[in-house]
All heavy atoms as atom14 arrays in JSON, in Angstrom:
{
  "sequence": "SILVVSVGYMLLARHWLTAKSLTTMSNSRRRTLKSFIDEYQLQ",
  "atom14_mask": [
    [1, 1, 1, 1, 1, 1, 0, 0, 0, 0, 0, 0, 0, 0],
    [1, 1, 1, 1, 1, 1, 1, 1, 0, 0, 0, 0, 0, 0],
    [1, 1, 1, 1, 1, 1, 1, 1, 0, 0, 0, 0, 0, 0],
    [1, 1, 1, 1, 1, 1, 1, 0, 0, 0, 0, 0, 0, 0],
    [1, 1, 1, 1, 1, 1, 1, 0, 0, 0, 0, 0, 0, 0],
    [1, 1, 1, 1, 1, 1, 0, 0, 0, 0, 0, 0, 0, 0],
    [1, 1, 1, 1, 1, 1, 1, 0, 0, 0, 0, 0, 0, 0],
    [1, 1, 1, 1, 0, 0, 0, 0, 0, 0, 0, 0, 0, 0],
    [1, 1, 1, 1, 1, 1, 1, 1, 1, 1, 1, 1, 0, 0],
    [1, 1, 1, 1, 1, 1, 1, 1, 0, 0, 0, 0, 0, 0],
    [1, 1, 1, 1, 1, 1, 1, 1, 0, 0, 0, 0, 0, 0],
    [1, 1, 1, 1, 1, 1, 1, 1, 0, 0, 0, 0, 0, 0],
    [1, 1, 1, 1, 1, 0, 0, 0, 0, 0, 0, 0, 0, 0],
    [1, 1, 1, 1, 1, 1, 1, 1, 1, 1, 1, 0, 0, 0],
    [1, 1, 1, 1, 1, 1, 1, 1, 1, 1, 0, 0, 0, 0],
    [1, 1, 1, 1, 1, 1, 1, 1, 1, 1, 1, 1, 1, 1],
    [1, 1, 1, 1, 1, 1, 1, 1, 0, 0, 0, 0, 0, 0],
    [1, 1, 1, 1, 1, 1, 1, 0, 0, 0, 0, 0, 0, 0],
    [1, 1, 1, 1, 1, 0, 0, 0, 0, 0, 0, 0, 0, 0],
    [1, 1, 1, 1, 1, 1, 1, 1, 1, 0, 0, 0, 0, 0],
    [1, 1, 1, 1, 1, 1, 0, 0, 0, 0, 0, 0, 0, 0],
    [1, 1, 1, 1, 1, 1, 1, 1, 0, 0, 0, 0, 0, 0],
    [1, 1, 1, 1, 1, 1, 1, 0, 0, 0, 0, 0, 0, 0],
    [1, 1, 1, 1, 1, 1, 1, 0, 0, 0, 0, 0, 0, 0],
    [1, 1, 1, 1, 1, 1, 1, 1, 0, 0, 0, 0, 0, 0],
    [1, 1, 1, 1, 1, 1, 0, 0, 0, 0, 0, 0, 0, 0],
    [1, 1, 1, 1, 1, 1, 1, 1, 0, 0, 0, 0, 0, 0],
    [1, 1, 1, 1, 1, 1, 0, 0, 0, 0, 0, 0, 0, 0],
    [1, 1, 1, 1, 1, 1, 1, 1, 1, 1, 1, 0, 0, 0],
    [1, 1, 1, 1, 1, 1, 1, 1, 1, 1, 1, 0, 0, 0],
    [1, 1, 1, 1, 1, 1, 1, 1, 1, 1, 1, 0, 0, 0],
    [1, 1, 1, 1, 1, 1, 1, 0, 0, 0, 0, 0, 0, 0],
    [1, 1, 1, 1, 1, 1, 1, 1, 0, 0, 0, 0, 0, 0],
    [1, 1, 1, 1, 1, 1, 1, 1, 1, 0, 0, 0, 0, 0],
    [1, 1, 1, 1, 1, 1, 0, 0, 0, 0, 0, 0, 0, 0],
    [1, 1, 1, 1, 1, 1, 1, 1, 1, 1, 1, 0, 0, 0],
    [1, 1, 1, 1, 1, 1, 1, 1, 0, 0, 0, 0, 0, 0],
    [1, 1, 1, 1, 1, 1, 1, 1, 0, 0, 0, 0, 0, 0],
    [1, 1, 1, 1, 1, 1, 1, 1, 1, 0, 0, 0, 0, 0],
    [1, 1, 1, 1, 1, 1, 1, 1, 1, 1, 1, 1, 0, 0],
    [1, 1, 1, 1, 1, 1, 1, 1, 1, 0, 0, 0, 0, 0],
    [1, 1, 1, 1, 1, 1, 1, 1, 0, 0, 0, 0, 0, 0],
    [1, 1, 1, 1, 1, 1, 1, 1, 1, 0, 0, 0, 0, 0]
  ],
  "atom14_positions": [
    [[-2.41, -8.93, 25.36], [-3.8, -8.46, 25.31], [-3.94, -7.31, 24.32], [-4.88, -7.27, 23.51], [-4.25, -8.01, 26.7], [-4.17, -9.06, 27.63], [0.0, 0.0, 0.0], [0.0, 0.0, 0.0], [0.0, 0.0, 0.0], [0.0, 0.0, 0.0], [0.0, 0.0, 0.0], [0.0, 0.0, 0.0], [0.0, 0.0, 0.0], [0.0, 0.0, 0.0]],
    [[-3.0, -6.36, 24.37], [-3.05, -5.21, 23.46], [-2.83, -5.66, 22.02], [-3.48, -5.16, 21.1], [-2.0, -4.15, 23.88], [-2.37, -3.58, 25.25], [-1.91, -3.03, 22.84], [-1.32, -2.64, 25.83], [0.0, 0.0, 0.0], [0.0, 0.0, 0.0], [0.0, 0.0, 0.0], [0.0, 0.0, 0.0], [0.0, 0.0, 0.0], [0.0, 0.0, 0.0]],
    [[-1.95, -6.65, 21.82], [-1.7, -7.15, 20.46], [-2.96, -7.78, 19.88], [-3.31, -7.54, 18.72], [-0.55, -8.17, 20.49], [-0.19, -8.81, 19.14], [0.27, -7.74, 18.15], [0.88, -9.88, 19.33], [0.0, 0.0, 0.0], [0.0, 0.0, 0.0], [0.0, 0.0, 0.0], [0.0, 0.0, 0.0], [0.0, 0.0, 0.0], [0.0, 0.0, 0.0]],
    [[-3.64, -8.58, 20.68], [-4.87, -9.23, 20.2], [-5.93, -8.18, 19.84], [-6.56, -8.25, 18.78], [-5.42, -10.21, 21.26], [-6.8, -10.71, 20.87], [-4.46, -11.39, 21.44], [0.0, 0.0, 0.0], [0.0, 0.0, 0.0], [0.0, 0.0, 0.0], [0.0, 0.0, 0.0], [0.0, 0.0, 0.0], [0.0, 0.0, 0.0], [0.0, 0.0, 0.0]],
    [[-6.09, -7.18, 20.71], [-7.06, -6.12, 20.42], [-6.65, -5.33, 19.18], [-7.49, -4.94, 18.36], [-7.2, -5.18, 21.65], [-8.01, -3.94, 21.3], [-7.84, -5.93, 22.81], [0.0, 0.0, 0.0], [0.0, 0.0, 0.0], [0.0, 0.0, 0.0], [0.0, 0.0, 0.0], [0.0, 0.0, 0.0], [0.0, 0.0, 0.0], [0.0, 0.0, 0.0]],
    [[-5.33, -5.11, 19.02], [-4.85, -4.33, 17.88], [-5.14, -5.03, 16.55], [-5.4, -4.37, 15.54], [-3.35, -4.06, 18.01], [-2.59, -5.23, 17.74], [0.0, 0.0, 0.0], [0.0, 0.0, 0.0], [0.0, 0.0, 0.0], [0.0, 0.0, 0.0], [0.0, 0.0, 0.0], [0.0, 0.0, 0.0], [0.0, 0.0, 0.0], [0.0, 0.0, 0.0]],
    [[-5.07, -6.36, 16.55], [-5.37, -7.1, 15.32], [-6.8, -6.84, 14.89], [-7.09, -6.54, 13.73], [-5.1, -8.61, 15.52], [-5.59, -9.39, 14.31], [-3.61, -8.87, 15.74], [0.0, 0.0, 0.0], [0.0, 0.0, 0.0], [0.0, 0.0, 0.0], [0.0, 0.0, 0.0], [0.0, 0.0, 0.0], [0.0, 0.0, 0.0], [0.0, 0.0, 0.0]],
    [[-7.73, -6.97, 15.85], [-9.13, -6.7, 15.53], [-9.35, -5.25, 15.12], [-10.1, -4.96, 14.17], [0.0, 0.0, 0.0], [0.0, 0.0, 0.0], [0.0, 0.0, 0.0], [0.0, 0.0, 0.0], [0.0, 0.0, 0.0], [0.0, 0.0, 0.0], [0.0, 0.0, 0.0], [0.0, 0.0, 0.0], [0.0, 0.0, 0.0], [0.0, 0.0, 0.0]],
    [[-8.66, -4.33, 15.79], [-8.79, -2.91, 15.47], [-8.3, -2.62, 14.06], [-8.96, -1.9, 13.29], [-8.01, -2.08, 16.48], [-7.98, -0.6, 16.17], [-9.05, 0.22, 16.48], [-6.86, -0.02, 15.56], [-9.04, 1.57, 16.2], [-6.84, 1.34, 15.27], [-7.92, 2.13, 15.59], [-7.9, 3.46, 15.29], [0.0, 0.0, 0.0], [0.0, 0.0, 0.0]],
    [[-7.13, -3.18, 13.68], [-6.56, -2.89, 12.36], [-7.36, -3.54, 11.24], [-7.37, -3.04, 10.11], [-5.1, -3.32, 12.29], [-4.15, -2.44, 13.1], [-4.31, -0.65, 12.78], [-4.07, -0.57, 11.01], [0.0, 0.0, 0.0], [0.0, 0.0, 0.0], [0.0, 0.0, 0.0], [0.0, 0.0, 0.0], [0.0, 0.0, 0.0], [0.0, 0.0, 0.0]],
    [[-8.02, -4.66, 11.52], [-8.9, -5.26, 10.5], [-10.01, -4.29, 10.12], [-10.46, -4.25, 8.97], [-9.49, -6.57, 11.01], [-8.54, -7.77, 11.05], [-9.2, -8.95, 11.75], [-8.09, -8.17, 9.64], [0.0, 0.0, 0.0], [0.0, 0.0, 0.0], [0.0, 0.0, 0.0], [0.0, 0.0, 0.0], [0.0, 0.0, 0.0], [0.0, 0.0, 0.0]],
    [[-10.42, -3.47, 11.1], [-11.43, -2.45, 10.83], [-10.79, -1.15, 10.31], [-11.22, -0.6, 9.29], [-12.22, -2.16, 12.11], [-13.18, -0.96, 12.07], [-14.32, -1.22, 11.08], [-13.72, -0.67, 13.47], [0.0, 0.0, 0.0], [0.0, 0.0, 0.0], [0.0, 0.0, 0.0], [0.0, 0.0, 0.0], [0.0, 0.0, 0.0], [0.0, 0.0, 0.0]],
    [[-9.75, -0.7, 10.98], [-9.19, 0.63, 10.7], [-8.49, 0.7, 9.36], [-8.38, 1.79, 8.79], [-8.21, 1.01, 11.82], [0.0, 0.0, 0.0], [0.0, 0.0, 0.0], [0.0, 0.0, 0.0], [0.0, 0.0, 0.0], [0.0, 0.0, 0.0], [0.0, 0.0, 0.0], [0.0, 0.0, 0.0], [0.0, 0.0, 0.0], [0.0, 0.0, 0.0]],
    [[-8.0, -0.42, 8.81], [-7.32, -0.36, 7.51], [-8.27, 0.16, 6.43], [-7.81, 0.72, 5.43], [-6.77, -1.74, 7.13], [-7.84, -2.79, 6.9], [-7.23, -4.19, 6.84], [-8.28, -5.19, 6.88], [-8.83, -5.75, 5.81], [-8.4, -5.39, 4.6], [-9.77, -6.65, 5.92], [0.0, 0.0, 0.0], [0.0, 0.0, 0.0], [0.0, 0.0, 0.0]],
    [[-9.57, 0.01, 6.63], [-10.52, 0.52, 5.65], [-10.63, 2.04, 5.71], [-11.2, 2.65, 4.79], [-11.9, -0.11, 5.89], [-11.93, -1.59, 5.67], [-11.7, -2.18, 4.45], [-12.13, -2.62, 6.55], [-11.79, -3.49, 4.56], [-12.04, -3.79, 5.82], [0.0, 0.0, 0.0], [0.0, 0.0, 0.0], [0.0, 0.0, 0.0], [0.0, 0.0, 0.0]],
    [[-10.11, 2.65, 6.79], [-10.14, 4.1, 6.87], [-9.06, 4.73, 5.98], [-9.11, 5.92, 5.73], [-9.93, 4.55, 8.32], [-10.98, 4.02, 9.26], [-12.17, 3.44, 8.92], [-10.92, 4.0, 10.68], [-12.86, 3.06, 10.03], [-12.12, 3.39, 11.14], [-10.0, 4.42, 11.62], [-12.39, 3.21, 12.48], [-10.26, 4.25, 12.96], [-11.45, 3.65, 13.4]],
    [[-8.08, 3.92, 5.59], [-7.04, 4.41, 4.68], [-7.57, 4.3, 3.26], [-7.12, 3.47, 2.47], [-5.76, 3.59, 4.85], [-5.07, 3.71, 6.22], [-3.98, 2.66, 6.35], [-4.49, 5.1, 6.42], [0.0, 0.0, 0.0], [0.0, 0.0, 0.0], [0.0, 0.0, 0.0], [0.0, 0.0, 0.0], [0.0, 0.0, 0.0], [0.0, 0.0, 0.0]],
    [[-8.52, 5.14, 2.93], [-9.22, 5.01, 1.65], [-8.9, 6.17, 0.72], [-9.64, 6.45, -0.21], [-10.74, 4.96, 1.87], [-11.13, 6.1, 2.66], [-11.13, 3.68, 2.58], [0.0, 0.0, 0.0], [0.0, 0.0, 0.0], [0.0, 0.0, 0.0], [0.0, 0.0, 0.0], [0.0, 0.0, 0.0], [0.0, 0.0, 0.0], [0.0, 0.0, 0.0]],
    [[-7.8, 6.88, 0.99], [-7.41, 7.95, 0.08], [-7.13, 7.38, -1.29], [-6.81, 6.2, -1.45], [-6.16, 8.67, 0.62], [0.0, 0.0, 0.0], [0.0, 0.0, 0.0], [0.0, 0.0, 0.0], [0.0, 0.0, 0.0], [0.0, 0.0, 0.0], [0.0, 0.0, 0.0], [0.0, 0.0, 0.0], [0.0, 0.0, 0.0], [0.0, 0.0, 0.0]],
    [[-7.21, 8.24, -2.29], [-7.05, 7.78, -3.67], [-5.71, 7.08, -3.86], [-5.61, 6.1, -4.58], [-7.16, 8.98, -4.61], [-7.11, 8.6, -6.08], [-7.29, 9.82, -6.96], [-7.23, 9.44, -8.42], [-7.37, 10.61, -9.3], [0.0, 0.0, 0.0], [0.0, 0.0, 0.0], [0.0, 0.0, 0.0], [0.0, 0.0, 0.0], [0.0, 0.0, 0.0]],
    [[-4.68, 7.6, -3.18], [-3.35, 7.02, -3.35], [-3.27, 5.61, -2.81], [-2.35, 4.87, -3.16], [-2.3, 7.88, -2.64], [-2.55, 7.93, -1.26], [0.0, 0.0, 0.0], [0.0, 0.0, 0.0], [0.0, 0.0, 0.0], [0.0, 0.0, 0.0], [0.0, 0.0, 0.0], [0.0, 0.0, 0.0], [0.0, 0.0, 0.0], [0.0, 0.0, 0.0]],
    [[-4.22, 5.23, -1.95], [-4.16, 3.9, -1.38], [-5.14, 2.94, -2.05], [-5.27, 1.8, -1.61], [-4.47, 3.94, 0.12], [-3.51, 4.76, 0.99], [-3.81, 4.51, 2.45], [-2.06, 4.43, 0.68], [0.0, 0.0, 0.0], [0.0, 0.0, 0.0], [0.0, 0.0, 0.0], [0.0, 0.0, 0.0], [0.0, 0.0, 0.0], [0.0, 0.0, 0.0]],
    [[-5.81, 3.37, -3.08], [-6.79, 2.49, -3.7], [-6.37, 2.03, -5.09], [-7.11, 1.33, -5.75], [-8.15, 3.2, -3.8], [-7.98, 4.42, -4.56], [-8.69, 3.53, -2.43], [0.0, 0.0, 0.0], [0.0, 0.0, 0.0], [0.0, 0.0, 0.0], [0.0, 0.0, 0.0], [0.0, 0.0, 0.0], [0.0, 0.0, 0.0], [0.0, 0.0, 0.0]],
    [[-5.23, 2.48, -5.53], [-4.72, 2.04, -6.82], [-3.34, 1.45, -6.65], [-2.68, 1.67, -5.65], [-4.65, 3.21, -7.83], [-3.58, 4.08, -7.41], [-5.94, 3.98, -7.88], [0.0, 0.0, 0.0], [0.0, 0.0, 0.0], [0.0, 0.0, 0.0], [0.0, 0.0, 0.0], [0.0, 0.0, 0.0], [0.0, 0.0, 0.0], [0.0, 0.0, 0.0]],
    [[-2.92, 0.74, -7.68], [-1.59, 0.17, -7.64], [-0.62, 0.95, -8.51], [0.48, 0.49, -8.79], [-1.64, -1.3, -8.11], [-2.24, -2.25, -7.1], [-1.31, -2.29, -5.56], [0.21, -3.02, -6.15], [0.0, 0.0, 0.0], [0.0, 0.0, 0.0], [0.0, 0.0, 0.0], [0.0, 0.0, 0.0], [0.0, 0.0, 0.0], [0.0, 0.0, 0.0]],
    [[-1.01, 2.12, -8.96], [-0.16, 2.86, -9.88], [1.16, 3.25, -9.25], [2.16, 3.39, -9.95], [-0.88, 4.12, -10.36], [-1.21, 4.96, -9.27], [0.0, 0.0, 0.0], [0.0, 0.0, 0.0], [0.0, 0.0, 0.0], [0.0, 0.0, 0.0], [0.0, 0.0, 0.0], [0.0, 0.0, 0.0], [0.0, 0.0, 0.0], [0.0, 0.0, 0.0]],
    [[1.18, 3.44, -7.92], [2.41, 3.87, -7.28], [3.07, 2.75, -6.49], [4.03, 2.99, -5.79], [2.12, 5.04, -6.33], [1.79, 6.29, -7.09], [2.28, 6.48, -8.2], [0.94, 7.12, -6.52], [0.0, 0.0, 0.0], [0.0, 0.0, 0.0], [0.0, 0.0, 0.0], [0.0, 0.0, 0.0], [0.0, 0.0, 0.0], [0.0, 0.0, 0.0]],
    [[2.54, 1.56, -6.5], [3.1, 0.49, -5.68], [4.41, -0.02, -6.28], [4.65, 0.09, -7.45], [2.11, -0.66, -5.55], [1.84, -1.2, -6.81], [0.0, 0.0, 0.0], [0.0, 0.0, 0.0], [0.0, 0.0, 0.0], [0.0, 0.0, 0.0], [0.0, 0.0, 0.0], [0.0, 0.0, 0.0], [0.0, 0.0, 0.0], [0.0, 0.0, 0.0]],
    [[5.24, -0.59, -5.42], [6.55, -1.06, -5.87], [6.44, -2.41, -6.56], [5.86, -3.34, -6.02], [7.49, -1.2, -4.67], [8.14, 0.11, -4.25], [7.2, 0.93, -3.49], [7.83, 2.19, -3.09], [7.13, 3.25, -2.81], [5.84, 3.23, -2.92], [7.73, 4.34, -2.41], [0.0, 0.0, 0.0], [0.0, 0.0, 0.0], [0.0, 0.0, 0.0]],
    [[7.02, -2.49, -7.75], [7.04, -3.73, -8.49], [8.45, -4.29, -8.45], [9.42, -3.55, -8.54], [6.63, -3.5, -9.95], [5.27, -2.84, -10.09], [4.14, -3.76, -9.68], [2.85, -3.18, -10.03], [1.7, -3.79, -9.79], [1.67, -4.97, -9.23], [0.57, -3.19, -10.11], [0.0, 0.0, 0.0], [0.0, 0.0, 0.0], [0.0, 0.0, 0.0]],
    [[8.55, -5.58, -8.36], [9.86, -6.2, -8.24], [10.44, -6.59, -9.59], [10.84, -7.72, -9.79], [9.76, -7.4, -7.33], [9.28, -6.99, -5.94], [9.97, -7.74, -4.88], [9.6, -7.25, -3.58], [10.49, -6.95, -2.65], [11.75, -7.05, -2.9], [10.09, -6.53, -1.48], [0.0, 0.0, 0.0], [0.0, 0.0, 0.0], [0.0, 0.0, 0.0]],
    [[10.43, -5.64, -10.54], [11.1, -5.85, -11.82], [11.85, -4.58, -12.16], [11.48, -3.48, -11.76], [10.09, -6.16, -12.94], [9.27, -5.02, -13.16], [9.23, -7.37, -12.61], [0.0, 0.0, 0.0], [0.0, 0.0, 0.0], [0.0, 0.0, 0.0], [0.0, 0.0, 0.0], [0.0, 0.0, 0.0], [0.0, 0.0, 0.0], [0.0, 0.0, 0.0]],
    [[12.93, -4.74, -12.92], [13.7, -3.58, -13.36], [12.85, -2.65, -14.21], [12.95, -1.43, -14.11], [14.93, -4.04, -14.14], [16.05, -4.7, -13.31], [17.12, -5.25, -14.24], [16.67, -3.7, -12.34], [0.0, 0.0, 0.0], [0.0, 0.0, 0.0], [0.0, 0.0, 0.0], [0.0, 0.0, 0.0], [0.0, 0.0, 0.0], [0.0, 0.0, 0.0]],
    [[12.01, -3.23, -15.08], [11.18, -2.41, -15.97], [10.25, -1.5, -15.16], [10.01, -0.34, -15.52], [10.37, -3.29, -16.91], [9.54, -2.5, -17.93], [8.75, -3.42, -18.83], [8.0, -2.6, -19.87], [7.12, -1.59, -19.27], [0.0, 0.0, 0.0], [0.0, 0.0, 0.0], [0.0, 0.0, 0.0], [0.0, 0.0, 0.0], [0.0, 0.0, 0.0]],
    [[9.71, -2.03, -14.08], [8.79, -1.22, -13.26], [9.53, -0.05, -12.62], [9.0, 1.06, -12.56], [8.16, -2.09, -12.18], [7.4, -3.13, -12.73], [0.0, 0.0, 0.0], [0.0, 0.0, 0.0], [0.0, 0.0, 0.0], [0.0, 0.0, 0.0], [0.0, 0.0, 0.0], [0.0, 0.0, 0.0], [0.0, 0.0, 0.0], [0.0, 0.0, 0.0]],
    [[10.75, -0.3, -12.13], [11.55, 0.79, -11.58], [11.79, 1.86, -12.64], [11.72, 3.05, -12.38], [12.89, 0.26, -11.07], [12.81, -0.49, -9.77], [13.79, -1.42, -9.44], [11.77, -0.29, -8.88], [13.73, -2.12, -8.24], [11.7, -0.98, -7.69], [12.68, -1.9, -7.37], [0.0, 0.0, 0.0], [0.0, 0.0, 0.0], [0.0, 0.0, 0.0]],
    [[12.13, 1.42, -13.85], [12.42, 2.34, -14.95], [11.22, 3.22, -15.26], [11.33, 4.44, -15.43], [12.88, 1.55, -16.19], [14.24, 0.9, -15.93], [12.95, 2.46, -17.42], [14.6, -0.18, -16.94], [0.0, 0.0, 0.0], [0.0, 0.0, 0.0], [0.0, 0.0, 0.0], [0.0, 0.0, 0.0], [0.0, 0.0, 0.0], [0.0, 0.0, 0.0]],
    [[10.03, 2.61, -15.32], [8.81, 3.36, -15.62], [8.46, 4.32, -14.49], [8.1, 5.48, -14.71], [7.65, 2.4, -15.87], [7.83, 1.58, -17.14], [8.62, 2.0, -18.01], [7.19, 0.51, -17.25], [0.0, 0.0, 0.0], [0.0, 0.0, 0.0], [0.0, 0.0, 0.0], [0.0, 0.0, 0.0], [0.0, 0.0, 0.0], [0.0, 0.0, 0.0]],
    [[8.55, 3.82, -13.26], [8.11, 4.6, -12.11], [8.97, 5.83, -11.9], [8.46, 6.9, -11.54], [8.15, 3.71, -10.86], [7.64, 4.38, -9.6], [7.71, 3.45, -8.4], [7.77, 2.22, -8.61], [7.71, 3.96, -7.28], [0.0, 0.0, 0.0], [0.0, 0.0, 0.0], [0.0, 0.0, 0.0], [0.0, 0.0, 0.0], [0.0, 0.0, 0.0]],
    [[10.27, 5.71, -12.11], [11.19, 6.83, -11.89], [11.49, 7.61, -13.17], [12.39, 8.44, -13.19], [12.48, 6.33, -11.26], [12.31, 5.93, -9.81], [11.89, 4.65, -9.46], [12.55, 6.84, -8.78], [11.73, 4.29, -8.13], [12.4, 6.49, -7.45], [11.98, 5.21, -7.13], [11.81, 4.86, -5.82], [0.0, 0.0, 0.0], [0.0, 0.0, 0.0]],
    [[10.73, 7.31, -14.25], [10.82, 8.05, -15.5], [12.26, 8.09, -16.05], [12.82, 9.16, -16.33], [10.28, 9.48, -15.3], [8.86, 9.51, -14.77], [8.39, 10.92, -14.44], [8.8, 11.88, -15.07], [7.53, 11.02, -13.44], [0.0, 0.0, 0.0], [0.0, 0.0, 0.0], [0.0, 0.0, 0.0], [0.0, 0.0, 0.0], [0.0, 0.0, 0.0]],
    [[12.84, 6.91, -16.17], [14.23, 6.8, -16.62], [14.37, 6.56, -18.12], [15.48, 6.45, -18.62], [14.93, 5.65, -15.86], [14.93, 5.74, -14.33], [15.6, 4.51, -13.74], [15.63, 7.01, -13.86], [0.0, 0.0, 0.0], [0.0, 0.0, 0.0], [0.0, 0.0, 0.0], [0.0, 0.0, 0.0], [0.0, 0.0, 0.0], [0.0, 0.0, 0.0]],
    [[13.24, 6.46, -18.82], [13.31, 6.2, -20.25], [14.11, 7.3, -20.96], [14.07, 8.46, -20.58], [11.9, 6.13, -20.87], [11.0, 5.07, -20.26], [10.2, 5.57, -19.07], [10.54, 6.59, -18.47], [9.15, 4.85, -18.72], [0.0, 0.0, 0.0], [0.0, 0.0, 0.0], [0.0, 0.0, 0.0], [0.0, 0.0, 0.0], [0.0, 0.0, 0.0]]
  ]
}
């Protein structure tokens, strides 16, 4: 019962995570070596 209610709740509540860091993909993990290199400033 709690799981079913939680699904409906999170469909709504995920929109509350609207901070700037969560609205762009600039910091998201990419599954390529080049992305790791750029993100961690290894150039």
